[in-house]
Amino acid sequence: MFPLRDDNPTLITPYVTVLIIAVNVAVWLVVEHAGAGPGYLQALCRHGLIPGELTGAIPPGTEIRGRGLECTIGGSPWLTVLTSMFMHGGWMHLLGNMWFFWIFGNNVEDAMGPVRFIVFYLLCGAVAAGAQVVSSPSSAVPTIGASGAIAGVMGAYLVLFPRVRIFTLIFLFFFIRVLAVPAWIILAEWFVLQVLSGSAGAAGGVAVWAHVGGFVAGMGLVPLFRSAARLEKKRRAGAGGGPPLY
């Protein structure tokens, strides 16, 4: 299942959602050189989160080689908790993350307000990074991507708008259909798949425990960041087709 859009119009212009997308694209083009050349590999080493560096399992000065990377441990590992969540490993990684973020992020921002939303987003990303570090504390592989923070946004969406319809592309053998599916089905299925992939050791290079940590953080933090007044305005406006969707 691939979400295309939700039936949940926003009441404000989602400036922070647009800004975060713009920053991610700018980092990909300028800092990561659009994934090309040695500049891209240097950016991964400098700004990616290396769990073993953060935990001290890999001593400073250690050189890491492999997968085209030549990283020297040392610098400001705690800063990479922030920088890593604005980096991506390829065009599809970037576009996929930003697509999910646009679908779910604008309404979560609508329910929180711009200032609360950006703090919420960064906190979810930090918790997601922590979950990935705990899962592989000695890893020398740089972890990058906005998906942990976006998973937090998806967790918040599940709490805030569980019955909103998500128009979803469904692949049924040779048939392709677009169906309106309640958000809780889409999001719960996604979360379960992350847990199962991580538990089975079948992540395939994907930081699934960052996804799990971010999603759980989003569900847990949303009561502290949501605005009752904003949610009431959305209900009165009948966003998504009417109050029963909430």
Protein backbone atom coordinates (compact mmCIF):
# COMPACT_ATOMS: atom_id res chain seq x y z
CA MET A 1 0.00 0.00 0.00
CA PHE A 2 1.29 3.44 -0.94
CA PRO A 3 -0.48 6.57 0.40
CA LEU A 4 -1.32 9.23 -2.18
CA ARG A 5 -3.19 11.86 -0.15
CA ASP A 6 -5.45 12.23 2.86
CA ASP A 7 -8.98 13.56 3.16
CA ASN A 8 -7.99 16.01 5.88
CA PRO A 9 -7.53 19.59 4.64
CA THR A 10 -5.44 21.97 6.70
CA LEU A 11 -6.74 25.24 8.10
CA ILE A 12 -3.39 27.03 8.00
CA THR A 13 -0.52 27.16 5.55
CA PRO A 14 1.98 24.52 6.79
CA TYR A 15 5.05 26.76 6.65
CA VAL A 16 7.20 24.54 8.88
CA THR A 17 6.39 21.41 6.88
CA VAL A 18 7.38 23.21 3.68
CA LEU A 19 10.51 24.61 5.36
CA ILE A 20 11.67 21.19 6.58
CA ILE A 21 11.15 19.72 3.11
CA ALA A 22 13.12 22.61 1.58
CA VAL A 23 15.98 22.15 4.05
CA ASN A 24 16.18 18.42 3.31
CA VAL A 25 16.28 19.07 -0.43
CA ALA A 26 18.89 21.83 0.00
CA VAL A 27 21.11 19.59 2.15
CA TRP A 28 20.87 16.83 -0.46
CA LEU A 29 21.84 19.17 -3.30
CA VAL A 30 24.45 21.36 -1.57
CA VAL A 31 25.94 19.39 1.32
CA GLU A 32 25.64 15.89 -0.18
CA HIS A 33 26.31 17.00 -3.76
CA ALA A 34 23.17 15.16 -4.90
CA GLY A 35 24.79 11.85 -4.00
CA ALA A 36 27.72 12.21 -6.40
CA GLY A 37 31.47 12.09 -5.98
CA PRO A 38 33.78 12.17 -2.96
CA GLY A 39 31.94 15.17 -1.51
CA TYR A 40 28.93 12.95 -0.87
CA LEU A 41 30.99 10.32 0.95
CA GLN A 42 32.72 12.99 3.02
CA ALA A 43 29.34 14.41 4.00
CA LEU A 44 28.18 10.98 5.19
CA CYS A 45 31.27 10.65 7.39
CA ARG A 46 31.09 14.18 8.74
CA HIS A 47 27.34 14.54 9.30
CA GLY A 48 26.01 10.98 9.55
CA LEU A 49 25.38 9.45 12.96
CA ILE A 50 27.89 6.67 13.70
CA PRO A 51 26.56 4.74 16.74
CA GLY A 52 29.97 3.44 17.82
CA GLU A 53 31.38 6.97 17.79
CA LEU A 54 28.55 8.27 19.93
CA THR A 55 28.79 5.48 22.51
CA GLY A 56 32.58 5.49 22.62
CA ALA A 57 32.75 1.89 21.40
CA ILE A 58 35.00 3.10 18.56
CA PRO A 59 37.96 5.13 19.89
CA PRO A 60 38.73 8.59 18.44
CA GLY A 61 41.18 8.45 15.57
CA THR A 62 39.93 5.09 14.31
CA GLU A 63 39.66 4.93 10.53
CA ILE A 64 36.58 3.24 9.08
CA ARG A 65 36.79 1.89 5.55
CA GLY A 66 34.20 0.09 3.48
CA ARG A 67 31.26 0.70 1.16
CA GLY A 68 33.29 3.48 -0.42
CA LEU A 69 33.59 5.32 2.91
CA GLU A 70 36.79 6.49 4.57
CA CYS A 71 35.77 7.97 7.92
CA THR A 72 38.00 8.99 10.81
CA ILE A 73 36.27 8.88 14.19
CA GLY A 74 36.45 12.17 16.02
CA GLY A 75 34.73 15.54 16.09
CA SER A 76 31.29 16.35 17.50
CA PRO A 77 29.31 13.10 17.52
CA TRP A 78 26.38 14.55 19.46
CA LEU A 79 25.82 17.16 16.76
CA THR A 80 25.27 14.35 14.26
CA VAL A 81 22.08 13.42 16.10
CA LEU A 82 20.69 16.61 14.52
CA THR A 83 22.54 16.73 11.22
CA SER A 84 21.88 13.09 10.32
CA MET A 85 18.11 13.62 10.24
CA PHE A 86 18.47 16.03 7.30
CA MET A 87 20.56 13.72 5.13
CA HIS A 88 19.63 10.97 2.68
CA GLY A 89 21.24 8.11 0.83
CA GLY A 90 19.70 8.64 -2.59
CA TRP A 91 17.01 10.37 -4.63
CA MET A 92 14.40 7.71 -3.88
CA HIS A 93 15.23 7.85 -0.16
CA LEU A 94 14.75 11.62 -0.19
CA LEU A 95 11.60 11.67 -2.32
CA GLY A 96 9.94 8.83 -0.41
CA ASN A 97 10.58 10.47 2.95
CA MET A 98 9.40 13.89 1.82
CA TRP A 99 6.25 12.43 0.24
CA PHE A 100 5.23 10.72 3.49
CA PHE A 101 6.15 13.84 5.44
CA TRP A 102 3.95 16.04 3.26
CA ILE A 103 0.94 13.73 3.53
CA PHE A 104 1.08 13.42 7.31
CA GLY A 105 3.09 16.44 8.44
CA ASN A 106 0.87 19.30 7.33
CA ASN A 107 -2.07 18.17 9.46
CA VAL A 108 0.08 17.45 12.51
CA GLU A 109 1.51 20.96 12.17
CA ASP A 110 -2.08 22.19 11.85
CA ALA A 111 -2.92 20.50 15.16
CA MET A 112 0.14 21.83 17.00
CA GLY A 113 1.09 25.16 15.48
CA PRO A 114 4.44 25.89 13.82
CA VAL A 115 6.65 26.40 16.90
CA ARG A 116 5.43 23.34 18.77
CA PHE A 117 5.60 21.27 15.60
CA ILE A 118 9.25 21.96 14.84
CA VAL A 119 10.25 21.16 18.44
CA PHE A 120 8.16 17.99 18.28
CA TYR A 121 9.75 16.97 14.98
CA LEU A 122 13.31 17.41 16.26
CA LEU A 123 12.57 15.57 19.51
CA CYS A 124 11.13 12.61 17.62
CA GLY A 125 14.20 12.56 15.40
CA ALA A 126 16.49 12.58 18.44
CA VAL A 127 14.59 9.71 20.09
CA ALA A 128 14.68 7.79 16.81
CA ALA A 129 18.45 8.25 16.62
CA GLY A 130 18.77 7.05 20.21
CA ALA A 131 16.75 3.93 19.44
CA GLN A 132 19.00 3.10 16.51
CA VAL A 133 22.13 3.61 18.62
CA VAL A 134 20.76 1.33 21.35
CA SER A 135 20.01 -1.36 18.75
CA SER A 136 23.58 -1.24 17.34
CA PRO A 137 25.82 0.52 19.89
CA SER A 138 29.09 -0.59 18.27
CA SER A 139 28.12 -0.01 14.63
CA ALA A 140 30.56 1.86 12.42
CA VAL A 141 27.99 2.48 9.68
CA PRO A 142 26.73 6.09 9.40
CA THR A 143 22.99 6.36 9.97
CA ILE A 144 21.19 9.02 7.97
CA GLY A 145 17.66 10.00 7.02
CA ALA A 146 14.61 11.96 8.11
CA SER A 147 12.47 8.83 8.44
CA GLY A 148 12.86 8.55 12.22
CA ALA A 149 11.50 12.05 12.75
CA ILE A 150 8.83 11.45 10.10
CA ALA A 151 7.86 8.24 11.89
CA GLY A 152 7.18 10.43 14.93
CA VAL A 153 4.87 12.57 12.82
CA MET A 154 3.09 9.42 11.63
CA GLY A 155 2.69 8.25 15.22
CA ALA A 156 1.15 11.61 16.10
CA TYR A 157 -1.19 11.37 13.11
CA LEU A 158 -2.36 7.96 14.32
CA VAL A 159 -3.30 9.44 17.70
CA LEU A 160 -4.86 12.62 16.32
CA PHE A 161 -6.67 11.42 13.20
CA PRO A 162 -7.04 7.62 13.29
CA ARG A 163 -10.19 7.47 11.13
CA VAL A 164 -9.30 10.02 8.48
CA ARG A 165 -9.38 8.47 5.02
CA ILE A 166 -6.07 7.98 3.25
CA PHE A 167 -6.37 7.49 -0.50
CA THR A 168 -3.97 4.65 -1.07
CA LEU A 169 -2.52 2.89 -4.10
CA ILE A 170 -3.18 -0.83 -3.72
CA PHE A 171 -1.35 -3.45 -5.79
CA LEU A 172 -3.40 -6.65 -6.18
CA PHE A 173 -1.39 -8.93 -8.43
CA PHE A 174 -1.97 -7.40 -11.91
CA PHE A 175 -4.60 -4.93 -10.73
CA ILE A 176 -3.87 -1.46 -9.36
CA ARG A 177 -6.60 0.28 -7.40
CA VAL A 178 -6.91 3.46 -5.38
CA LEU A 179 -8.89 2.89 -2.20
CA ALA A 180 -9.80 5.15 0.72
CA VAL A 181 -8.43 3.42 3.82
CA PRO A 182 -8.67 4.64 7.44
CA ALA A 183 -5.38 6.12 8.60
CA TRP A 184 -5.07 3.72 11.52
CA ILE A 185 -4.87 0.74 9.13
CA ILE A 186 -2.12 2.30 7.01
CA LEU A 187 -0.08 3.48 9.99
CA ALA A 188 -0.54 0.38 12.15
CA GLU A 189 0.48 -1.87 9.25
CA TRP A 190 3.58 0.24 8.61
CA PHE A 191 4.57 0.13 12.28
CA VAL A 192 4.07 -3.64 12.58
CA LEU A 193 6.19 -4.20 9.47
CA GLN A 194 9.02 -2.17 11.02
CA VAL A 195 8.90 -4.19 14.24
CA LEU A 196 8.78 -7.50 12.38
CA SER A 197 11.65 -6.51 10.08
CA GLY A 198 13.80 -5.46 13.02
CA SER A 199 12.96 -8.54 15.08
CA ALA A 200 13.73 -10.87 12.18
CA GLY A 201 16.98 -9.12 11.34
CA ALA A 202 15.70 -8.44 7.84
CA ALA A 203 16.10 -4.67 7.80
CA GLY A 204 18.32 -4.73 4.72
CA GLY A 205 20.29 -1.63 5.67
CA VAL A 206 17.18 0.28 6.77
CA ALA A 207 17.25 1.80 10.26
CA VAL A 208 13.99 0.14 11.31
CA TRP A 209 14.57 0.63 15.04
CA ALA A 210 14.87 4.35 14.40
CA HIS A 211 11.45 4.12 12.73
CA VAL A 212 10.04 2.23 15.71
CA GLY A 213 11.57 4.62 18.24
CA GLY A 214 10.37 7.69 16.36
CA PHE A 215 6.84 6.33 15.95
CA VAL A 216 6.51 5.47 19.64
CA ALA A 217 7.95 8.86 20.59
CA GLY A 218 5.42 10.60 18.36
CA MET A 219 2.52 8.76 19.96
CA GLY A 220 3.83 9.49 23.43
CA LEU A 221 4.72 13.14 22.92
CA VAL A 222 1.66 14.26 20.97
CA PRO A 223 -0.48 14.97 24.10
CA LEU A 224 2.17 17.49 25.20
CA PHE A 225 2.28 19.31 21.87
CA ARG A 226 -1.22 19.20 20.39
CA SER A 227 -3.41 22.27 20.69
CA ALA A 228 -6.94 21.58 21.87
CA ALA A 229 -8.11 24.85 20.33
CA ARG A 230 -6.64 24.02 16.93
CA LEU A 231 -8.12 20.52 16.96
CA GLU A 232 -11.52 21.92 17.86
CA LYS A 233 -11.33 24.32 14.91
CA LYS A 234 -10.55 21.39 12.60
CA ARG A 235 -13.52 19.44 13.95
CA ARG A 236 -15.85 22.38 13.52
CA ALA A 237 -14.63 22.89 9.99
CA GLY A 238 -15.40 19.22 9.26
CA ALA A 239 -11.93 18.57 7.93
CA GLY A 240 -11.73 15.19 6.27
CA GLY A 241 -15.44 15.00 5.61
CA GLY A 242 -16.85 15.51 9.10
CA PRO A 243 -16.22 15.06 12.81
CA PRO A 244 -16.81 11.24 12.84
CA LEU A 245 -13.47 10.76 11.07
CA TYR A 246 -11.67 11.77 14.25
